[in-house]
Amino acid sequence: MDKTNMDKILISIPLILGFFGVIQINAQTPCTPVDVTVLEVNYVGWAGGKMHYTNLGNLGMSYWDAIEFCLCHGMEPTLIKGPDVDVMLYNFLQRLSGNSTYNTRPFWLSLNDNDREGTFRWYQNSTLLQGYTNWAPNSPVIDPQGGPHVNCVSDQQYTGRQTCVWINVPCDTTCWRPLCQR
C-alpha cells in the first residue's frame, strides 16, 4: 500500500450505488491532514467481542489518517466478521442523527483493494476478505482501469435496511470517521 501514490490521484468518476443513485466523486482535493495524536477517542459500542471507538469531531479524515488514528491510540482498525458490528454502527448513527452537535459521517473500515483491484484485504496482516460481507447494492465498484480510484471501504447507513452497508470510495479524498477496536 503506497500512500504517496494515493495522494496524487486526480479523478472525477461516477459511481453507481443502487439505492444511493449516481454519486459524483470529484477527487481533486485530498482530505486535510490530521494530527491524530490530539484527537479525542469516543466509545461507539460493543460488538463482535470487541469494544469499538471513533472520533466524533466534525473533522473527517482520509483512510490512511483513520488507520493511523487507531494505531496511535493503541487500537487496531476494525475488522468485521459478522453482522453485529454493522447493526451496532447503524444504531449508533441513528442516535447521533438526533443530536445536532455531531454529523452522521460514515466510518472507515480497514478493508481495501490497494494491492490488486477487486481483491479486498483487511489492513491487519493483509488478511483476505472471506466469509461475511455486507456490500451495498452494485458494490463493490471495480475500476475498469485497475484502480486506484475507489479502493478503500466505508461503512454507511442504508435506508433500505436496519444496518450499515459497505461501499468502496477513494482513500485520500473521502473524509470519514475512523473506526477502531480493542
Protein backbone atom coordinates (compact mmCIF):
# COMPACT_ATOMS: atom_id res chain seq x y z
CA MET A 1 0.00 0.00 0.00
CA ASP A 2 1.78 3.09 -1.24
CA LYS A 3 0.30 6.20 0.35
CA THR A 4 2.39 8.58 -1.74
CA ASN A 5 0.76 7.39 -4.96
CA MET A 6 -2.69 7.63 -3.39
CA ASP A 7 -2.11 11.30 -2.50
CA LYS A 8 -1.66 12.31 -6.14
CA ILE A 9 -4.90 10.94 -7.59
CA LEU A 10 -6.95 13.41 -9.61
CA ILE A 11 -10.17 11.82 -10.83
CA SER A 12 -13.79 12.52 -11.44
CA ILE A 13 -15.83 9.33 -11.79
CA PRO A 14 -19.48 8.42 -11.35
CA LEU A 15 -20.22 5.54 -9.00
CA ILE A 16 -23.41 3.55 -9.44
CA LEU A 17 -24.54 2.64 -5.94
CA GLY A 18 -28.01 1.12 -6.27
CA PHE A 19 -30.34 2.82 -3.84
CA PHE A 20 -27.96 5.72 -3.43
CA GLY A 21 -28.20 6.58 -7.14
CA VAL A 22 -25.27 8.05 -9.01
CA ILE A 23 -22.75 9.81 -6.82
CA GLN A 24 -20.17 12.02 -8.48
CA ILE A 25 -16.82 11.89 -6.73
CA ASN A 26 -14.53 14.78 -7.53
CA ALA A 27 -11.29 13.62 -6.04
CA GLN A 28 -9.29 16.74 -6.72
CA THR A 29 -8.73 17.79 -3.14
CA PRO A 30 -7.30 15.37 -0.60
CA CYS A 31 -8.61 15.43 2.96
CA THR A 32 -6.82 17.89 5.21
CA PRO A 33 -4.04 16.03 7.05
CA VAL A 34 -4.96 15.41 10.67
CA ASP A 35 -2.76 15.32 13.78
CA VAL A 36 -4.33 12.16 15.16
CA THR A 37 -2.37 12.37 18.42
CA VAL A 38 -4.50 15.28 19.67
CA LEU A 39 -7.92 13.91 18.72
CA GLU A 40 -10.31 12.61 21.34
CA VAL A 41 -11.34 8.94 21.38
CA ASN A 42 -15.09 8.27 21.73
CA TYR A 43 -16.77 4.96 22.59
CA VAL A 44 -19.16 3.64 19.91
CA GLY A 45 -20.29 0.29 21.32
CA TRP A 46 -19.61 -3.40 21.91
CA ALA A 47 -19.97 -5.90 19.06
CA GLY A 48 -18.12 -8.90 17.71
CA GLY A 49 -16.44 -9.45 21.07
CA LYS A 50 -14.65 -6.09 20.85
CA MET A 51 -15.17 -2.51 22.01
CA HIS A 52 -15.34 -0.01 19.13
CA TYR A 53 -14.20 3.61 19.15
CA THR A 54 -14.13 6.64 16.84
CA ASN A 55 -13.55 10.38 16.91
CA LEU A 56 -16.78 12.39 16.97
CA GLY A 57 -15.23 15.68 15.92
CA ASN A 58 -16.62 17.15 12.73
CA LEU A 59 -13.24 16.77 11.09
CA GLY A 60 -13.26 13.82 8.70
CA MET A 61 -10.05 12.07 7.75
CA SER A 62 -8.57 10.03 4.93
CA TYR A 63 -8.38 6.25 5.11
CA TRP A 64 -4.68 6.48 5.98
CA ASP A 65 -5.23 9.01 8.79
CA ALA A 66 -8.03 6.81 10.15
CA ILE A 67 -5.66 3.81 10.28
CA GLU A 68 -3.03 6.00 11.97
CA PHE A 69 -5.63 7.29 14.47
CA CYS A 70 -6.37 3.73 15.62
CA LEU A 71 -2.73 2.67 15.87
CA CYS A 72 -1.69 5.89 17.63
CA HIS A 73 -4.30 5.30 20.33
CA GLY A 74 -3.27 1.67 20.96
CA MET A 75 -6.12 0.10 18.99
CA GLU A 76 -6.45 -1.68 15.69
CA PRO A 77 -8.64 -0.67 12.75
CA THR A 78 -11.93 -2.57 12.83
CA LEU A 79 -12.18 -5.92 11.09
CA ILE A 80 -15.78 -7.12 10.66
CA LYS A 81 -16.52 -10.85 10.83
CA GLY A 82 -20.32 -10.74 11.22
CA PRO A 83 -23.43 -8.55 11.00
CA ASP A 84 -23.38 -7.43 14.65
CA VAL A 85 -20.84 -4.64 14.02
CA ASP A 86 -22.82 -3.25 11.06
CA VAL A 87 -26.04 -3.24 13.13
CA MET A 88 -24.25 -1.61 16.10
CA LEU A 89 -22.89 1.15 13.81
CA TYR A 90 -26.30 1.75 12.26
CA ASN A 91 -27.86 2.16 15.72
CA PHE A 92 -25.02 4.47 16.79
CA LEU A 93 -25.52 6.69 13.72
CA GLN A 94 -29.29 6.72 14.32
CA ARG A 95 -28.66 8.04 17.85
CA LEU A 96 -26.23 10.64 16.50
CA SER A 97 -28.68 11.88 13.88
CA GLY A 98 -30.91 13.20 16.68
CA ASN A 99 -28.03 15.25 18.12
CA SER A 100 -27.20 18.32 16.03
CA THR A 101 -23.75 18.55 17.65
CA TYR A 102 -22.46 15.63 15.58
CA ASN A 103 -22.87 14.77 11.92
CA THR A 104 -23.52 11.20 10.82
CA ARG A 105 -20.36 10.90 8.74
CA PRO A 106 -19.69 7.27 7.70
CA PHE A 107 -16.88 5.15 9.14
CA TRP A 108 -13.75 3.79 7.50
CA LEU A 109 -13.31 0.04 7.70
CA SER A 110 -9.79 -1.36 7.48
CA LEU A 111 -10.71 -3.03 4.17
CA ASN A 112 -9.14 -2.07 0.83
CA ASP A 113 -8.12 -3.44 -2.57
CA ASN A 114 -5.00 -1.29 -2.98
CA ASP A 115 -2.72 -4.22 -3.87
CA ARG A 116 -4.96 -5.82 -6.52
CA GLU A 117 -8.18 -4.37 -7.92
CA GLY A 118 -11.19 -6.43 -6.79
CA THR A 119 -9.25 -8.42 -4.16
CA PHE A 120 -10.17 -6.90 -0.82
CA ARG A 121 -7.94 -7.37 2.21
CA TRP A 122 -8.15 -6.20 5.80
CA TYR A 123 -5.36 -3.86 6.91
CA GLN A 124 -4.27 -6.23 9.69
CA ASN A 125 -1.76 -8.73 8.25
CA SER A 126 -3.33 -8.25 4.78
CA THR A 127 -5.98 -10.84 5.69
CA LEU A 128 -8.10 -11.66 2.62
CA LEU A 129 -11.81 -10.81 2.89
CA GLN A 130 -13.62 -14.11 3.48
CA GLY A 131 -16.99 -15.19 4.83
CA TYR A 132 -19.24 -12.33 5.92
CA THR A 133 -19.65 -9.33 3.61
CA ASN A 134 -22.22 -6.55 3.61
CA TRP A 135 -21.81 -4.67 0.33
CA ALA A 136 -24.38 -2.09 -0.75
CA PRO A 137 -26.27 -2.94 -3.95
CA ASN A 138 -23.99 -2.65 -7.00
CA SER A 139 -20.90 -2.63 -4.79
CA PRO A 140 -18.02 -3.07 -4.67
CA VAL A 141 -17.19 -0.83 -7.60
CA ILE A 142 -14.38 -2.37 -9.64
CA ASP A 143 -12.40 0.21 -11.58
CA PRO A 144 -12.06 -0.93 -15.21
CA GLN A 145 -8.56 0.55 -15.40
CA GLY A 146 -7.48 -1.48 -12.36
CA GLY A 147 -7.59 1.24 -9.71
CA PRO A 148 -6.51 3.05 -7.55
CA HIS A 149 -9.64 5.18 -7.69
CA VAL A 150 -12.12 3.60 -5.29
CA ASN A 151 -10.02 1.23 -3.20
CA CYS A 152 -10.96 1.86 0.45
CA VAL A 153 -14.16 0.67 2.11
CA SER A 154 -16.53 2.65 4.32
CA ASP A 155 -19.46 1.51 6.45
CA GLN A 156 -22.50 3.76 5.88
CA GLN A 157 -26.15 3.97 6.88
CA TYR A 158 -28.51 2.38 4.38
CA THR A 159 -32.14 3.48 4.37
CA GLY A 160 -33.41 0.18 2.96
CA ARG A 161 -32.15 -1.89 5.90
CA GLN A 162 -31.63 -1.53 9.64
CA THR A 163 -27.89 -1.86 9.24
CA CYS A 164 -24.89 -0.17 7.71
CA VAL A 165 -23.53 -1.34 4.36
CA TRP A 166 -20.10 -1.32 2.76
CA ILE A 167 -19.16 0.97 -0.12
CA ASN A 168 -15.72 1.44 -1.64
CA VAL A 169 -14.64 5.04 -2.20
CA PRO A 170 -11.38 6.96 -2.84
CA CYS A 171 -8.92 6.57 0.05
CA ASP A 172 -7.49 10.06 0.26
CA THR A 173 -10.32 12.33 -0.84
CA THR A 174 -13.24 10.87 1.08
CA CYS A 175 -13.15 12.25 4.61
CA TRP A 176 -14.87 9.84 7.01
CA ARG A 177 -14.52 8.82 10.67
CA PRO A 178 -12.04 6.25 11.93
CA LEU A 179 -13.39 3.01 13.37
CA CYS A 180 -11.14 1.20 15.81
CA GLN A 181 -11.43 -1.85 18.03
CA ARG A 182 -9.76 -3.32 21.08
